Amino acid sequence: MLLQFSVENFLSFRGEAKFSMIASSDDRHPRHVLSSDDKKRRVLRSAAIYGANGHGKTNLVHALIFIRDLILEGSEVDKPLKVRKFKTSAGEDKSPATFIFNIHTSGVEYEYGMKIGRSHIHEEWLFASPNGREVPLFERVTTMGKDGLLTTVEAGPSLVKQTKSGKLSGKDYLEFVAFGTRPNQPFLTEAIQRNVEALRPIFDWFRNDLQIISAEGEYAALEIRAHKDSDFITRLSAAIRNAGIGIDHIETDVRTIEVDDFRDVPSEMLREISDTLETGNVALLGARDSNRILIRKNDGNELEVIDLVFVHRREDGSEVRFTQDEESAGTRRLLHLIPMIADLSQSDKTFVIDEIDRKLHPLLAYNLLSNFLGESDCGQLIFTTHNTHLLDLDLLRRDEIWFVEKTADGNSQLYSLSDLKVRADVEIRKGYLNGRFGAIPFLGSTSSLGWEEQDDARTNKQKKAPA
């Protein structure tokens, strides 16, 4: 579970912005609150993040993506880190960007953080609280010495005790790993690559439990799972049918294809597909909305394409079939969101979805969230949205509603509705749209743009033109 995340000096966040999933003392919607294994933590299951366009909602998501990818993929030798620091300060800011995660996984709370510059990771640390008492697992510092950048890692007694390799003691082996850690490489990443298994839980949380879906994100396994899992396609059909968009049920269509069918596909993409299929996996071509094509090898080593077919009913009850690209963009978005949220309802993962309401009717988004919170007791769903229909205290708690507002100097500030003094009888949706909580567009008059003058001049010119 994600407990807290903070970011500073990254993209539009100049000062520290802290996002928390730790529940307040509010007793509304008790099913929206999870308890840690020791019952000492009350953690929220959902959070909605609001803000005007360009105010920083997606930048918060980008901060999560940046750290996750750096940990999982590591860095390239002698290449600068792709950290994008706050740019609108006066003068050059040489201070690093800072990221801090507080998470709960495998029965233990962890704090993991990094301070990152363009050339190297200045600091990195990991603390664990296995029995409610915080102990250091490691603290890493990279500084400039007379011979260049030097990385030192101080391993805590707990990590030393849990680590050994062959004839080397835990202390000696961790010193060996630290010596091999490049200035631009996370020590966590290097340690996992060198089999320091005591750090596996935190690494696996970033790899398996933190799932981030962009505004264009899709459910990668949709077609193959629909084809193989009859229960999955039955439940997916029921959910789509209940959405009231005219689809009775969903089927799959499998057809054999030849290599010649790919003559218009770039050679580099063909090689990638071939390499993927050689490992026994399916390959996804296009991977964007209605243009995606899922290819696999069958038992006879033939290439097959798996398509989804959407069955509608005519007035006389007969069936008519539609392909995926014949359905609306909103239907396709819903098609991918439903299995994502269904999977989350059966796991302890943390899903972060940017623009969850993209292409969806406001009531469909409301229904999705209501079902997730009402029918499940696990998983965390964090999302950005403009859908004011979700600003409903019958749906969300106050501490589940967040706002991002950008100041005049371009700094994004993050705050929760529970941080504000709001009377219990205030209608949250109306208050937000009236600017009571900030995080809305600052709209000027279109007359200041000169459009009306241009339209008047064009109209007068047309009147004077000869018939």
Protein backbone atom coordinates (compact mmCIF):
# COMPACT_ATOMS: atom_id res chain seq x y z
CA MET A 1 0.00 0.00 0.00
CA LEU A 2 1.08 3.54 -0.65
CA LEU A 3 1.05 5.57 2.56
CA GLN A 4 2.62 8.85 1.43
CA PHE A 5 4.56 10.30 -1.48
CA SER A 6 6.32 13.64 -1.65
CA VAL A 7 8.10 15.41 -4.49
CA GLU A 8 10.14 18.61 -4.60
CA ASN A 9 11.90 20.55 -7.38
CA PHE A 10 10.50 18.37 -10.16
CA LEU A 11 8.47 19.63 -13.13
CA SER A 12 5.96 22.15 -11.74
CA PHE A 13 6.59 21.27 -8.07
CA ARG A 14 9.11 23.77 -6.70
CA GLY A 15 8.47 23.31 -2.99
CA GLU A 16 7.64 20.02 -1.31
CA ALA A 17 4.27 18.61 -2.34
CA LYS A 18 3.08 15.81 -0.07
CA PHE A 19 0.34 13.40 -1.07
CA SER A 20 -1.03 11.15 1.68
CA MET A 21 -3.22 8.07 1.70
CA ILE A 22 -3.26 7.93 5.50
CA ALA A 23 -6.86 8.27 6.67
CA SER A 24 -7.99 11.09 8.92
CA SER A 25 -10.23 10.57 11.94
CA ASP A 26 -13.30 10.99 9.70
CA ASP A 27 -15.65 8.06 10.31
CA ARG A 28 -17.59 8.30 7.02
CA HIS A 29 -17.37 5.42 4.53
CA PRO A 30 -15.52 2.90 6.76
CA ARG A 31 -15.15 0.50 3.80
CA HIS A 32 -12.91 3.07 2.14
CA VAL A 33 -10.27 2.50 4.81
CA LEU A 34 -7.77 -0.35 4.95
CA SER A 35 -5.85 -1.39 8.05
CA SER A 36 -2.21 -2.41 8.12
CA ASP A 37 -1.33 -5.86 9.41
CA ASP A 38 -0.70 -4.52 12.91
CA LYS A 39 -3.91 -2.41 12.81
CA LYS A 40 -1.86 0.71 13.64
CA ARG A 41 -2.34 2.34 10.25
CA ARG A 42 -5.61 3.38 8.64
CA VAL A 43 -4.99 3.74 4.92
CA LEU A 44 -7.34 5.07 2.23
CA ARG A 45 -8.44 2.96 -0.72
CA SER A 46 -9.00 5.81 -3.13
CA ALA A 47 -8.06 9.40 -3.91
CA ALA A 48 -9.35 11.81 -6.54
CA ILE A 49 -7.02 14.60 -7.68
CA TYR A 50 -8.59 17.73 -9.20
CA GLY A 51 -7.06 20.78 -10.83
CA ALA A 52 -7.25 23.01 -13.87
CA ASN A 53 -5.48 22.08 -17.10
CA GLY A 54 -1.75 22.68 -16.79
CA HIS A 55 -1.80 22.99 -12.99
CA GLY A 56 0.19 19.82 -12.27
CA LYS A 57 -2.11 16.82 -11.81
CA THR A 58 -0.35 14.79 -14.48
CA ASN A 59 3.05 16.02 -13.25
CA LEU A 60 2.38 14.20 -9.99
CA VAL A 61 1.78 11.03 -12.02
CA HIS A 62 4.97 11.72 -14.01
CA ALA A 63 6.93 11.93 -10.75
CA LEU A 64 5.75 8.44 -9.81
CA ILE A 65 6.61 7.13 -13.27
CA PHE A 66 10.08 8.70 -13.23
CA ILE A 67 11.14 7.04 -9.97
CA ARG A 68 9.52 3.70 -10.79
CA ASP A 69 11.26 3.50 -14.16
CA LEU A 70 14.61 4.59 -12.72
CA ILE A 71 14.43 1.83 -10.10
CA LEU A 72 13.24 -0.91 -12.46
CA GLU A 73 15.36 -0.04 -15.51
CA GLY A 74 18.39 1.60 -13.92
CA SER A 75 20.47 4.17 -15.74
CA GLU A 76 22.78 4.11 -18.74
CA VAL A 77 26.54 4.26 -18.22
CA ASP A 78 27.89 7.84 -18.38
CA LYS A 79 24.49 9.20 -19.43
CA PRO A 80 22.80 12.09 -17.58
CA LEU A 81 19.68 11.30 -15.62
CA LYS A 82 16.47 12.48 -17.27
CA VAL A 83 15.29 14.43 -14.25
CA ARG A 84 13.25 17.52 -15.16
CA LYS A 85 13.61 20.04 -12.39
CA PHE A 86 11.43 23.09 -11.72
CA LYS A 87 12.31 25.63 -14.41
CA THR A 88 10.69 28.97 -13.56
CA SER A 89 12.84 29.96 -10.59
CA ALA A 90 14.94 33.12 -10.95
CA GLY A 91 18.50 32.06 -11.77
CA GLU A 92 19.86 28.53 -12.04
CA ASP A 93 18.74 26.10 -9.37
CA LYS A 94 21.48 23.53 -8.68
CA SER A 95 19.60 21.78 -5.89
CA PRO A 96 18.49 18.19 -6.60
CA ALA A 97 14.96 16.95 -7.12
CA THR A 98 13.68 15.03 -4.10
CA PHE A 99 11.31 12.05 -4.03
CA ILE A 100 10.17 10.20 -0.90
CA PHE A 101 7.89 7.14 -0.72
CA ASN A 102 6.32 5.71 2.42
CA ILE A 103 4.82 2.31 1.67
CA HIS A 104 3.57 -0.79 3.46
CA THR A 105 4.42 -4.14 1.89
CA SER A 106 5.08 -7.68 3.13
CA GLY A 107 3.97 -6.63 6.61
CA VAL A 108 6.59 -3.89 6.94
CA GLU A 109 6.52 -0.11 6.55
CA TYR A 110 9.34 1.42 4.50
CA GLU A 111 10.57 4.90 3.71
CA TYR A 112 12.53 5.09 0.46
CA GLY A 113 13.89 8.34 -0.91
CA MET A 114 16.26 9.87 -3.43
CA LYS A 115 17.75 13.28 -4.16
CA ILE A 116 18.60 13.40 -7.85
CA GLY A 117 20.58 15.77 -10.05
CA ARG A 118 21.36 15.60 -13.75
CA SER A 119 24.72 13.87 -13.37
CA HIS A 120 24.22 11.71 -10.30
CA ILE A 121 22.06 10.63 -7.39
CA HIS A 122 23.12 12.86 -4.49
CA GLU A 123 21.43 10.83 -1.76
CA GLU A 124 19.41 7.64 -1.45
CA TRP A 125 18.06 5.97 1.64
CA LEU A 126 15.84 3.14 2.82
CA PHE A 127 14.42 2.74 6.32
CA ALA A 128 12.21 -0.08 7.57
CA SER A 129 9.84 -0.26 10.55
CA PRO A 130 9.28 -3.99 11.07
CA ASN A 131 8.15 -3.65 14.69
CA GLY A 132 7.03 -0.06 14.78
CA ARG A 133 10.61 1.09 15.34
CA GLU A 134 12.43 2.63 12.38
CA VAL A 135 15.80 1.10 11.48
CA PRO A 136 18.11 2.09 8.61
CA LEU A 137 18.67 -0.48 5.87
CA PHE A 138 21.05 1.73 3.89
CA GLU A 139 22.06 5.34 3.35
CA ARG A 140 23.89 6.27 0.17
CA VAL A 141 25.73 9.51 -0.60
CA THR A 142 27.49 10.50 -3.84
CA THR A 143 29.89 13.45 -3.63
CA MET A 144 32.50 15.07 -5.82
CA GLY A 145 36.04 14.09 -4.80
CA LYS A 146 39.40 14.98 -6.27
CA ASP A 147 39.18 11.96 -8.58
CA GLY A 148 35.57 12.56 -9.60
CA LEU A 149 32.23 11.41 -8.21
CA LEU A 150 32.46 8.99 -5.29
CA THR A 151 29.57 6.85 -4.01
CA THR A 152 29.56 5.57 -0.44
CA VAL A 153 26.88 3.39 1.13
CA GLU A 154 26.43 2.82 4.83
CA ALA A 155 24.47 -0.40 5.36
CA GLY A 156 22.46 -0.77 8.53
CA PRO A 157 23.00 -3.72 10.89
CA SER A 158 19.68 -5.27 9.87
CA LEU A 159 20.63 -5.38 6.17
CA VAL A 160 24.15 -6.62 6.97
CA LYS A 161 22.71 -9.45 9.06
CA GLN A 162 20.35 -10.56 6.25
CA THR A 163 23.02 -10.46 3.53
CA LYS A 164 25.82 -12.80 2.57
CA SER A 165 27.32 -14.22 -0.60
CA GLY A 166 29.59 -17.23 -0.67
CA LYS A 167 32.55 -16.68 1.60
CA LEU A 168 31.95 -12.94 1.89
CA SER A 169 30.28 -11.57 4.99
CA GLY A 170 27.23 -9.38 4.63
CA LYS A 171 29.30 -6.27 5.35
CA ASP A 172 31.97 -7.17 2.79
CA TYR A 173 29.45 -8.10 0.10
CA LEU A 174 27.45 -4.89 0.53
CA GLU A 175 30.69 -2.89 0.29
CA PHE A 176 31.40 -4.75 -2.96
CA VAL A 177 27.94 -3.86 -4.31
CA ALA A 178 28.39 -0.24 -3.23
CA PHE A 179 31.77 -0.06 -4.98
CA GLY A 180 30.10 -1.19 -8.22
CA THR A 181 27.24 1.31 -7.98
CA ARG A 182 27.65 4.06 -10.56
CA PRO A 183 26.94 7.65 -9.47
CA ASN A 184 23.80 7.72 -11.67
CA GLN A 185 22.53 4.27 -10.64
CA PRO A 186 20.17 3.66 -7.68
CA PHE A 187 21.83 1.47 -5.07
CA LEU A 188 18.50 -0.36 -4.73
CA THR A 189 18.64 -1.32 -8.42
CA GLU A 190 22.30 -2.39 -8.22
CA ALA A 191 21.67 -4.44 -5.08
CA ILE A 192 18.77 -6.34 -6.64
CA GLN A 193 20.85 -7.06 -9.77
CA ARG A 194 23.49 -8.51 -7.43
CA ASN A 195 20.98 -10.64 -5.50
CA VAL A 196 20.69 -8.71 -2.24
CA GLU A 197 17.37 -10.39 -1.52
CA ALA A 198 16.64 -8.51 1.69
CA LEU A 199 15.76 -5.51 -0.49
CA ARG A 200 13.46 -7.53 -2.74
CA PRO A 201 10.13 -6.50 -1.07
CA ILE A 202 10.59 -2.80 -1.78
CA PHE A 203 11.81 -3.43 -5.35
CA ASP A 204 8.89 -5.79 -6.04
CA TRP A 205 6.42 -3.20 -4.78
CA PHE A 206 7.59 -0.81 -7.50
CA ARG A 207 7.64 -3.61 -10.09
CA ASN A 208 4.42 -5.45 -9.30
CA ASP A 209 2.20 -3.42 -6.98
CA LEU A 210 2.54 0.13 -8.32
CA GLN A 211 0.56 0.14 -11.55
CA ILE A 212 0.43 3.45 -13.42
CA ILE A 213 -1.97 3.92 -16.34
CA SER A 214 -1.66 6.97 -18.56
CA ALA A 215 -4.59 8.81 -20.12
CA GLU A 216 -4.04 6.64 -23.21
CA GLY A 217 -3.35 3.47 -21.21
CA GLU A 218 -4.84 0.12 -22.16
CA TYR A 219 -5.37 -3.30 -20.60
CA ALA A 220 -2.63 -5.19 -22.43
CA ALA A 221 -4.01 -8.70 -21.86
CA LEU A 222 -7.56 -7.86 -22.94
CA GLU A 223 -7.92 -9.98 -26.10
CA ILE A 224 -5.88 -12.99 -24.98
CA ARG A 225 -7.63 -13.17 -21.62
CA ALA A 226 -11.05 -12.76 -23.21
CA HIS A 227 -10.20 -15.67 -25.53
CA LYS A 228 -8.79 -18.01 -22.88
CA ASP A 229 -10.89 -17.20 -19.81
CA SER A 230 -14.63 -17.81 -20.26
CA ASP A 231 -15.43 -16.41 -16.81
CA PHE A 232 -13.54 -13.20 -17.65
CA ILE A 233 -15.41 -12.56 -20.90
CA THR A 234 -18.74 -13.38 -19.21
CA ARG A 235 -18.10 -10.82 -16.46
CA LEU A 236 -16.78 -8.27 -18.96
CA SER A 237 -19.89 -8.72 -21.11
CA ALA A 238 -22.15 -8.25 -18.09
CA ALA A 239 -20.36 -5.07 -17.05
CA ILE A 240 -20.52 -3.60 -20.56
CA ARG A 241 -24.19 -4.59 -20.90
CA ASN A 242 -25.02 -2.95 -17.55
CA ALA A 243 -23.37 0.26 -18.72
CA GLY A 244 -26.32 0.76 -21.07
CA ILE A 245 -24.32 1.48 -24.21
CA GLY A 246 -26.20 -0.95 -26.45
CA ILE A 247 -23.83 -3.94 -26.36
CA ASP A 248 -25.43 -7.28 -25.51
CA HIS A 249 -22.23 -9.29 -25.12
CA ILE A 250 -18.64 -9.67 -26.34
CA GLU A 251 -17.11 -12.53 -28.30
CA THR A 252 -13.64 -13.26 -29.66
CA ASP A 253 -12.73 -14.03 -33.25
CA VAL A 254 -9.52 -15.89 -34.09
CA ARG A 255 -8.15 -15.94 -37.63
CA THR A 256 -4.94 -17.26 -39.16
CA ILE A 257 -2.68 -14.77 -40.95
CA GLU A 258 0.31 -15.02 -43.27
CA VAL A 259 3.64 -13.21 -43.18
CA ASP A 260 2.61 -11.34 -46.35
CA ASP A 261 -0.12 -9.61 -44.35
CA PHE A 262 2.66 -7.58 -42.67
CA ARG A 263 4.34 -6.25 -45.80
CA ASP A 264 3.39 -2.67 -44.87
CA VAL A 265 4.77 -2.97 -41.32
CA PRO A 266 8.23 -1.36 -40.76
CA SER A 267 11.07 -3.90 -40.62
CA GLU A 268 12.17 -2.80 -37.15
CA MET A 269 8.68 -3.44 -35.78
CA LEU A 270 8.58 -6.83 -37.51
CA ARG A 271 11.83 -7.83 -35.81
CA GLU A 272 10.41 -6.80 -32.46
CA ILE A 273 7.26 -8.87 -33.08
CA SER A 274 9.36 -11.85 -34.17
CA ASP A 275 11.57 -11.63 -31.08
CA THR A 276 8.52 -11.40 -28.82
CA LEU A 277 6.85 -14.42 -30.42
CA GLU A 278 10.05 -16.46 -30.16
CA THR A 279 9.79 -16.26 -26.37
CA GLY A 280 6.33 -17.82 -26.56
CA ASN A 281 4.51 -14.58 -25.73
CA VAL A 282 1.85 -12.80 -27.68
CA ALA A 283 2.78 -9.63 -29.56
CA LEU A 284 0.80 -6.42 -29.64
CA LEU A 285 0.95 -4.36 -32.82
CA GLY A 286 -0.20 -0.76 -32.77
CA ALA A 287 -1.18 -0.78 -29.09
CA ARG A 288 -3.37 2.30 -29.35
CA ASP A 289 -7.11 2.21 -29.00
CA SER A 290 -8.88 0.71 -32.04
CA ASN A 291 -5.66 0.18 -34.02
CA ARG A 292 -4.20 -2.52 -31.78
CA ILE A 293 -3.72 -6.01 -33.19
CA LEU A 294 -2.89 -8.95 -30.93
CA ILE A 295 -0.81 -11.69 -32.59
CA ARG A 296 0.14 -15.09 -31.21
CA LYS A 297 1.54 -18.42 -32.37
CA ASN A 298 -0.81 -21.38 -32.06
CA ASP A 299 0.18 -24.97 -31.30
CA GLY A 300 0.74 -25.55 -35.02
CA ASN A 301 3.23 -22.67 -35.14
CA GLU A 302 0.81 -20.60 -37.24
CA LEU A 303 0.31 -16.89 -36.68
CA GLU A 304 -3.12 -15.91 -35.39
CA VAL A 305 -4.87 -12.63 -34.71
CA ILE A 306 -7.37 -12.42 -31.85
CA ASP A 307 -10.08 -9.78 -32.29
CA LEU A 308 -12.93 -8.73 -30.05
CA VAL A 309 -16.44 -8.73 -31.53
CA PHE A 310 -19.22 -6.62 -30.01
CA VAL A 311 -22.70 -8.09 -30.40
CA HIS A 312 -25.67 -5.71 -30.51
CA ARG A 313 -29.37 -6.58 -30.88
CA ARG A 314 -31.68 -5.32 -33.59
CA GLU A 315 -35.28 -4.44 -32.77
CA ASP A 316 -36.38 -7.94 -33.81
CA GLY A 317 -33.85 -9.50 -31.40
CA SER A 318 -31.43 -10.69 -34.07
CA GLU A 319 -27.71 -10.15 -33.56
CA VAL A 320 -25.45 -7.72 -35.40
CA ARG A 321 -21.68 -7.70 -34.90
CA PHE A 322 -19.34 -4.73 -34.64
CA THR A 323 -15.55 -4.65 -34.64
CA GLN A 324 -13.60 -2.70 -32.03
CA ASP A 325 -12.90 0.21 -34.38
CA GLU A 326 -16.64 0.53 -35.07
CA GLU A 327 -17.35 1.23 -31.41
CA SER A 328 -17.04 4.69 -29.87
CA ALA A 329 -13.87 5.93 -28.18
CA GLY A 330 -15.75 6.03 -24.88
CA THR A 331 -16.81 2.39 -25.23
CA ARG A 332 -13.23 1.35 -25.93
CA ARG A 333 -11.98 3.33 -22.91
CA LEU A 334 -14.58 1.64 -20.70
CA LEU A 335 -13.63 -1.73 -22.15
CA HIS A 336 -10.07 -1.33 -20.83
CA LEU A 337 -10.94 0.30 -17.50
CA ILE A 338 -13.40 -2.39 -16.37
CA PRO A 339 -10.86 -5.26 -16.20
CA MET A 340 -8.22 -2.98 -14.67
CA ILE A 341 -10.50 -2.04 -11.79
CA ALA A 342 -11.83 -5.61 -11.51
CA ASP A 343 -8.26 -6.89 -11.10
CA LEU A 344 -7.54 -4.19 -8.52
CA SER A 345 -10.61 -5.25 -6.54
CA GLN A 346 -9.00 -8.65 -6.01
CA SER A 347 -5.46 -7.53 -5.12
CA ASP A 348 -3.47 -5.30 -2.78
CA LYS A 349 -1.97 -3.28 -5.62
CA THR A 350 -1.94 0.49 -6.00
CA PHE A 351 -3.34 1.71 -9.32
CA VAL A 352 -2.71 5.28 -10.45
CA ILE A 353 -4.87 6.29 -13.43
CA ASP A 354 -4.40 9.61 -15.19
CA GLU A 355 -7.67 11.11 -16.45
CA ILE A 356 -9.87 8.20 -15.38
CA ASP A 357 -12.92 9.94 -16.84
CA ARG A 358 -11.35 10.51 -20.27
CA LYS A 359 -14.00 9.91 -22.99
CA LEU A 360 -16.49 8.65 -20.40
CA HIS A 361 -19.90 10.03 -19.50
CA PRO A 362 -19.73 11.45 -15.94
CA LEU A 363 -22.27 8.91 -14.65
CA LEU A 364 -20.27 5.98 -16.04
CA ALA A 365 -17.17 7.16 -14.18
CA TYR A 366 -19.27 7.59 -11.02
CA ASN A 367 -20.63 4.06 -11.39
CA LEU A 368 -17.15 2.57 -11.89
CA LEU A 369 -15.81 4.19 -8.74
CA SER A 370 -18.91 3.43 -6.71
CA ASN A 371 -18.74 -0.26 -7.63
CA PHE A 372 -15.03 -0.47 -6.77
CA LEU A 373 -15.49 1.11 -3.35
CA GLY A 374 -18.72 -0.70 -2.55
CA GLU A 375 -17.97 -4.23 -3.69
CA SER A 376 -14.35 -4.74 -2.61
CA ASP A 377 -12.19 -4.37 0.48
CA CYS A 378 -8.72 -4.29 -1.06
CA GLY A 379 -6.55 -2.35 -3.47
CA GLN A 380 -5.90 1.36 -3.85
CA LEU A 381 -7.17 3.52 -6.71
CA ILE A 382 -5.63 6.98 -7.19
CA PHE A 383 -6.77 9.01 -10.17
CA THR A 384 -6.77 12.46 -11.72
CA THR A 385 -10.04 13.80 -13.04
CA HIS A 386 -12.10 16.82 -14.10
CA ASN A 387 -15.38 15.03 -13.38
CA THR A 388 -17.16 17.17 -10.78
CA HIS A 389 -19.91 14.55 -10.40
CA LEU A 390 -17.41 12.63 -8.26
CA LEU A 391 -17.22 15.56 -5.81
CA ASP A 392 -19.90 13.94 -3.73
CA LEU A 393 -19.49 13.14 -0.04
CA ASP A 394 -21.94 10.28 -0.53
CA LEU A 395 -19.25 8.75 -2.76
CA LEU A 396 -15.92 9.97 -1.34
CA ARG A 397 -14.54 11.01 2.03
CA ARG A 398 -13.07 14.49 2.50
CA ASP A 399 -9.55 13.09 2.84
CA GLU A 400 -9.98 11.28 -0.50
CA ILE A 401 -10.43 14.56 -2.41
CA TRP A 402 -7.26 16.42 -3.45
CA PHE A 403 -6.57 19.60 -5.37
CA VAL A 404 -3.57 20.88 -7.34
CA GLU A 405 -3.32 24.62 -7.91
CA LYS A 406 -0.53 26.49 -9.69
CA THR A 407 0.61 29.81 -8.25
CA ALA A 408 1.51 32.88 -10.30
CA ASP A 409 5.18 31.82 -10.42
CA GLY A 410 4.32 28.37 -11.81
CA ASN A 411 4.62 26.35 -8.59
CA SER A 412 2.06 23.54 -8.16
CA GLN A 413 0.62 23.25 -4.67
CA LEU A 414 -1.10 20.07 -3.50
CA TYR A 415 -3.69 19.96 -0.73
CA SER A 416 -6.62 17.87 0.48
CA LEU A 417 -10.20 18.93 1.10
CA SER A 418 -9.70 17.72 4.68
CA ASP A 419 -6.96 20.38 5.08
CA LEU A 420 -9.55 23.12 4.50
CA LYS A 421 -12.07 24.43 6.98
CA VAL A 422 -15.34 23.57 5.27
CA ARG A 423 -18.73 23.43 6.95
CA ALA A 424 -20.44 20.05 6.97
CA ASP A 425 -23.44 21.40 5.03
CA VAL A 426 -21.41 22.85 2.13
CA GLU A 427 -22.15 21.28 -1.27
CA ILE A 428 -18.64 20.28 -2.36
CA ARG A 429 -19.28 20.22 -6.10
CA LYS A 430 -20.88 23.67 -6.13
CA GLY A 431 -18.19 25.09 -3.88
CA TYR A 432 -15.44 23.80 -6.15
CA LEU A 433 -16.99 25.20 -9.33
CA ASN A 434 -17.45 28.55 -7.57
CA GLY A 435 -13.73 28.63 -6.77
CA ARG A 436 -14.09 28.07 -3.04
CA PHE A 437 -11.31 25.45 -2.95
CA GLY A 438 -9.12 26.81 -5.74
CA ALA A 439 -7.66 24.50 -8.42
CA ILE A 440 -9.92 25.83 -11.18
CA PRO A 441 -9.02 27.75 -14.36
CA PHE A 442 -8.54 31.51 -14.12
CA LEU A 443 -10.79 32.52 -17.00
CA GLY A 444 -10.54 35.90 -18.65
CA SER A 445 -13.01 37.49 -21.05
CA THR A 446 -12.76 36.54 -24.71
CA SER A 447 -13.10 40.26 -25.49
CA SER A 448 -9.52 40.72 -24.26
CA LEU A 449 -8.32 38.47 -27.09
CA GLY A 450 -9.60 40.80 -29.79
CA TRP A 451 -11.75 38.11 -31.41
CA GLU A 452 -14.92 40.21 -31.29
CA GLU A 453 -13.20 43.13 -33.06
CA GLN A 454 -11.93 40.77 -35.74
CA ASP A 455 -15.41 39.30 -36.22
CA ASP A 456 -16.94 42.80 -36.46
CA ALA A 457 -14.35 43.89 -39.03
CA ARG A 458 -14.95 40.74 -41.08
CA THR A 459 -18.73 41.28 -40.97
CA ASN A 460 -18.41 44.93 -42.07
CA LYS A 461 -16.09 43.93 -44.91
CA GLN A 462 -18.61 41.34 -46.11
CA LYS A 463 -21.41 43.96 -46.02
CA LYS A 464 -19.37 46.37 -48.17
CA ALA A 465 -18.45 43.75 -50.74
CA PRO A 466 -20.27 44.16 -54.09
CA ALA A 467 -23.11 41.75 -54.73
